[in-house]
Each structure stands twice: as structure tokens, then as C-alpha cells.
Amino acid sequence: MSILLRTSNRTGRTVQQAGTTAVMMGGVSETTDPLGGAPEAVPSQRRLRLTSVLPVWLLAVVGSVLVLLLTAKDSFAWLLLVFVAAVFVSFVLQLATQTKDGLVERISTASSGAFVVVFVTAVVLLVR
């Protein structure tokens, strides 16, 4: 089964590759079935961001609160462990989405948010 891929290009030319015809048309990017099927749904970036970034931030918040409440000494070592776990989980969640579009942005957003949470917790630990 051949799939028709339409993507934006200034020239409007048709490209043939490996049995698949790609027609370049202005402003549209969709994959359709040549037998008249509906375009395949691609997960939106916003939904991917919500489902793969927010859990990392939540992990960082929960881990930081646990470090604040349960550790008396070596708090910064446990805080580092929370940050490393958050970054690891962010990579796992991004790879689980199997979507390469926006991968670096989502990993950066998740890791940056976890860093801010851990940084605020470290400041609180220094003050108390």
C-alpha cells in the first residue's frame, strides 16, 4: 500500500521515493491513504507536553517534599538523587511517546522544571 505525503514546499513539485509518492503543496502536512481514508491523527505537541512533562515535575515536587520532611543529614545528596531520577524519568517518558517532533524541547522543559523545583528546595535547605 502506497502512502501519499503532502508537505509544504515553495516549488510545488512531486517527489518519488521507494514506492511512495510525496506531493509538495503549500502549507499542508498530512498523511492520507490513497484509497480515500482519513488522515492519520498525529498527537498534538500540547498533549505530549502535558503527558510527558508534568509527571516529571510532579516527581520532582514529591521527591523534594520528601527530602525536606524525612532527611536530617545528607539532604543535598538525596536532593541530587531526586534530580537525577527526574531527568531519567523525563528521558524514559519522551522515548515512550515515540514522537521525535519536539523531543529536545520536551526533554529540556521537563529537566528545567525539575531543576527549578530542586533549586528552590536547596535554597530552603540552606536557609533552615
C-alpha atoms as a PDB file:
ATOM      1  CA  MET A   1       0.000   0.000   0.000  1.00  0.00           C
ATOM      2  CA  SER A   2       1.446   3.350  -1.011  1.00  0.00           C
ATOM      3  CA  ILE A   3       1.023   6.372   1.239  1.00  0.00           C
ATOM      4  CA  LEU A   4       0.743   9.918  -0.071  1.00  0.00           C
ATOM      5  CA  LEU A   5       2.625  12.503   1.995  1.00  0.00           C
ATOM      6  CA  ARG A   6       1.823  16.168   1.498  1.00  0.00           C
ATOM      7  CA  THR A   7       4.150  18.740   2.982  1.00  0.00           C
ATOM      8  CA  SER A   8       4.919  22.398   2.400  1.00  0.00           C
ATOM      9  CA  ASN A   9       7.352  23.403  -0.313  1.00  0.00           C
ATOM     10  CA  ARG A  10       7.715  26.586  -2.347  1.00  0.00           C
ATOM     11  CA  THR A  11       8.084  24.868  -5.719  1.00  0.00           C
ATOM     12  CA  GLY A  12       5.021  22.589  -5.623  1.00  0.00           C
ATOM     13  CA  ARG A  13       6.975  19.676  -7.090  1.00  0.00           C
ATOM     14  CA  THR A  14       6.296  15.920  -6.764  1.00  0.00           C
ATOM     15  CA  VAL A  15       8.973  13.610  -5.331  1.00  0.00           C
ATOM     16  CA  GLN A  16       9.047   9.797  -5.862  1.00  0.00           C
ATOM     17  CA  GLN A  17      10.934   7.705  -3.264  1.00  0.00           C
ATOM     18  CA  ALA A  18      10.866   3.959  -2.536  1.00  0.00           C
ATOM     19  CA  GLY A  19       7.402   3.371  -3.962  1.00  0.00           C
ATOM     20  CA  THR A  20       5.909   6.299  -2.056  1.00  0.00           C
ATOM     21  CA  THR A  21       4.842   9.440  -3.831  1.00  0.00           C
ATOM     22  CA  ALA A  22       5.273  12.679  -1.915  1.00  0.00           C
ATOM     23  CA  VAL A  23       3.411  15.667  -3.378  1.00  0.00           C
ATOM     24  CA  MET A  24       4.707  19.027  -2.211  1.00  0.00           C
ATOM     25  CA  MET A  25       1.848  21.501  -1.738  1.00  0.00           C
ATOM     26  CA  GLY A  26       1.772  24.781   0.164  1.00  0.00           C
ATOM     27  CA  GLY A  27       1.036  24.800   3.897  1.00  0.00           C
ATOM     28  CA  VAL A  28      -0.470  21.305   4.387  1.00  0.00           C
ATOM     29  CA  SER A  29       1.226  18.403   6.125  1.00  0.00           C
ATOM     30  CA  GLU A  30      -0.859  15.238   6.380  1.00  0.00           C
ATOM     31  CA  THR A  31      -0.587  11.550   5.629  1.00  0.00           C
ATOM     32  CA  THR A  32      -3.504  10.028   3.743  1.00  0.00           C
ATOM     33  CA  ASP A  33      -4.447   6.621   2.461  1.00  0.00           C
ATOM     34  CA  PRO A  34      -4.617   6.628  -1.378  1.00  0.00           C
ATOM     35  CA  LEU A  35      -7.870   4.630  -1.157  1.00  0.00           C
ATOM     36  CA  GLY A  36      -9.637   7.644   0.343  1.00  0.00           C
ATOM     37  CA  GLY A  37      -9.111   7.023   4.060  1.00  0.00           C
ATOM     38  CA  ALA A  38      -8.969   9.789   6.631  1.00  0.00           C
ATOM     39  CA  PRO A  39      -5.632  11.401   7.546  1.00  0.00           C
ATOM     40  CA  GLU A  40      -3.732   9.705  10.383  1.00  0.00           C
ATOM     41  CA  ALA A  41      -4.010  11.541  13.679  1.00  0.00           C
ATOM     42  CA  VAL A  42      -0.663  12.790  14.962  1.00  0.00           C
ATOM     43  CA  PRO A  43      -0.553  13.501  18.724  1.00  0.00           C
ATOM     44  CA  SER A  44      -0.507  17.222  19.360  1.00  0.00           C
ATOM     45  CA  GLN A  45       2.550  18.813  20.922  1.00  0.00           C
ATOM     46  CA  ARG A  46       0.454  20.248  23.745  1.00  0.00           C
ATOM     47  CA  ARG A  47      -0.947  16.854  24.732  1.00  0.00           C
ATOM     48  CA  LEU A  48       2.512  15.281  24.536  1.00  0.00           C
ATOM     49  CA  ARG A  49       3.904  18.052  26.696  1.00  0.00           C
ATOM     50  CA  LEU A  50       1.183  17.596  29.302  1.00  0.00           C
ATOM     51  CA  THR A  51       1.514  13.818  29.450  1.00  0.00           C
ATOM     52  CA  SER A  52       5.309  13.674  29.415  1.00  0.00           C
ATOM     53  CA  VAL A  53       6.486  16.833  31.210  1.00  0.00           C
ATOM     54  CA  LEU A  54       4.032  17.239  34.067  1.00  0.00           C
ATOM     55  CA  PRO A  55       4.767  13.803  35.598  1.00  0.00           C
ATOM     56  CA  VAL A  56       8.460  14.731  35.768  1.00  0.00           C
ATOM     57  CA  TRP A  57       7.655  17.985  37.555  1.00  0.00           C
ATOM     58  CA  LEU A  58       5.322  16.135  39.902  1.00  0.00           C
ATOM     59  CA  LEU A  59       8.075  13.612  40.673  1.00  0.00           C
ATOM     60  CA  ALA A  60      10.487  16.462  41.443  1.00  0.00           C
ATOM     61  CA  VAL A  61       7.967  18.177  43.752  1.00  0.00           C
ATOM     62  CA  VAL A  62       7.075  14.972  45.621  1.00  0.00           C
ATOM     63  CA  GLY A  63      10.741  13.970  45.937  1.00  0.00           C
ATOM     64  CA  SER A  64      11.740  17.420  47.159  1.00  0.00           C
ATOM     65  CA  VAL A  65       8.973  17.489  49.758  1.00  0.00           C
ATOM     66  CA  LEU A  66      10.038  14.040  50.974  1.00  0.00           C
ATOM     67  CA  VAL A  67      13.646  15.230  51.236  1.00  0.00           C
ATOM     68  CA  LEU A  68      12.524  18.268  53.252  1.00  0.00           C
ATOM     69  CA  LEU A  69      10.389  16.200  55.596  1.00  0.00           C
ATOM     70  CA  LEU A  70      12.368  12.993  56.068  1.00  0.00           C
ATOM     71  CA  THR A  71      16.075  13.776  55.890  1.00  0.00           C
ATOM     72  CA  ALA A  72      18.057  15.293  58.728  1.00  0.00           C
ATOM     73  CA  LYS A  73      21.539  14.889  57.284  1.00  0.00           C
ATOM     74  CA  ASP A  74      22.812  14.349  53.748  1.00  0.00           C
ATOM     75  CA  SER A  75      19.785  16.238  52.423  1.00  0.00           C
ATOM     76  CA  PHE A  76      21.697  17.564  49.425  1.00  0.00           C
ATOM     77  CA  ALA A  77      22.745  14.050  48.385  1.00  0.00           C
ATOM     78  CA  TRP A  78      19.103  12.943  48.450  1.00  0.00           C
ATOM     79  CA  LEU A  79      18.125  16.082  46.550  1.00  0.00           C
ATOM     80  CA  LEU A  80      20.667  15.235  43.871  1.00  0.00           C
ATOM     81  CA  LEU A  81      19.156  11.764  43.662  1.00  0.00           C
ATOM     82  CA  VAL A  82      15.696  13.315  43.166  1.00  0.00           C
ATOM     83  CA  PHE A  83      17.005  15.465  40.308  1.00  0.00           C
ATOM     84  CA  VAL A  84      18.790  12.547  38.606  1.00  0.00           C
ATOM     85  CA  ALA A  85      15.642  10.418  38.911  1.00  0.00           C
ATOM     86  CA  ALA A  86      13.548  13.216  37.386  1.00  0.00           C
ATOM     87  CA  VAL A  87      15.903  13.599  34.413  1.00  0.00           C
ATOM     88  CA  PHE A  88      15.976   9.825  33.892  1.00  0.00           C
ATOM     89  CA  VAL A  89      12.168   9.640  34.011  1.00  0.00           C
ATOM     90  CA  SER A  90      11.959  12.534  31.533  1.00  0.00           C
ATOM     91  CA  PHE A  91      14.078  10.585  29.025  1.00  0.00           C
ATOM     92  CA  VAL A  92      12.023   7.428  29.547  1.00  0.00           C
ATOM     93  CA  LEU A  93       8.720   9.279  29.081  1.00  0.00           C
ATOM     94  CA  GLN A  94       9.947  11.092  25.970  1.00  0.00           C
ATOM     95  CA  LEU A  95      11.123   7.843  24.402  1.00  0.00           C
ATOM     96  CA  ALA A  96       7.836   6.170  25.346  1.00  0.00           C
ATOM     97  CA  THR A  97       5.892   8.744  23.300  1.00  0.00           C
ATOM     98  CA  GLN A  98       7.700   7.532  20.144  1.00  0.00           C
ATOM     99  CA  THR A  99       7.414  11.021  18.668  1.00  0.00           C
ATOM    100  CA  LYS A 100      10.574  12.744  17.526  1.00  0.00           C
ATOM    101  CA  ASP A 101       8.988  16.116  16.790  1.00  0.00           C
ATOM    102  CA  GLY A 102       9.693  18.414  19.739  1.00  0.00           C
ATOM    103  CA  LEU A 103      11.716  15.776  21.617  1.00  0.00           C
ATOM    104  CA  VAL A 104      14.531  18.124  22.619  1.00  0.00           C
ATOM    105  CA  GLU A 105      12.081  20.838  23.652  1.00  0.00           C
ATOM    106  CA  ARG A 106      10.077  18.438  25.843  1.00  0.00           C
ATOM    107  CA  ILE A 107      13.192  16.981  27.495  1.00  0.00           C
ATOM    108  CA  SER A 108      14.547  20.491  28.090  1.00  0.00           C
ATOM    109  CA  THR A 109      11.254  21.683  29.551  1.00  0.00           C
ATOM    110  CA  ALA A 110      10.915  18.666  31.834  1.00  0.00           C
ATOM    111  CA  SER A 111      14.518  18.824  33.048  1.00  0.00           C
ATOM    112  CA  SER A 112      14.456  22.608  33.515  1.00  0.00           C
ATOM    113  CA  GLY A 113      11.272  22.435  35.559  1.00  0.00           C
ATOM    114  CA  ALA A 114      12.745  19.686  37.740  1.00  0.00           C
ATOM    115  CA  PHE A 115      15.883  21.773  38.192  1.00  0.00           C
ATOM    116  CA  VAL A 116      13.875  24.797  39.341  1.00  0.00           C
ATOM    117  CA  VAL A 117      11.999  22.651  41.884  1.00  0.00           C
ATOM    118  CA  VAL A 118      15.243  21.135  43.195  1.00  0.00           C
ATOM    119  CA  PHE A 119      16.949  24.544  43.279  1.00  0.00           C
ATOM    120  CA  VAL A 120      14.154  26.084  45.348  1.00  0.00           C
ATOM    121  CA  THR A 121      14.321  23.112  47.701  1.00  0.00           C
ATOM    122  CA  ALA A 122      18.104  23.535  48.035  1.00  0.00           C
ATOM    123  CA  VAL A 123      17.635  27.206  48.934  1.00  0.00           C
ATOM    124  CA  VAL A 124      15.067  26.210  51.572  1.00  0.00           C
ATOM    125  CA  LEU A 125      17.539  23.649  52.969  1.00  0.00           C
ATOM    126  CA  LEU A 126      20.278  26.290  53.153  1.00  0.00           C
ATOM    127  CA  VAL A 127      18.030  28.746  54.995  1.00  0.00           C
ATOM    128  CA  ARG A 128      16.693  26.336  57.623  1.00  0.00           C
END
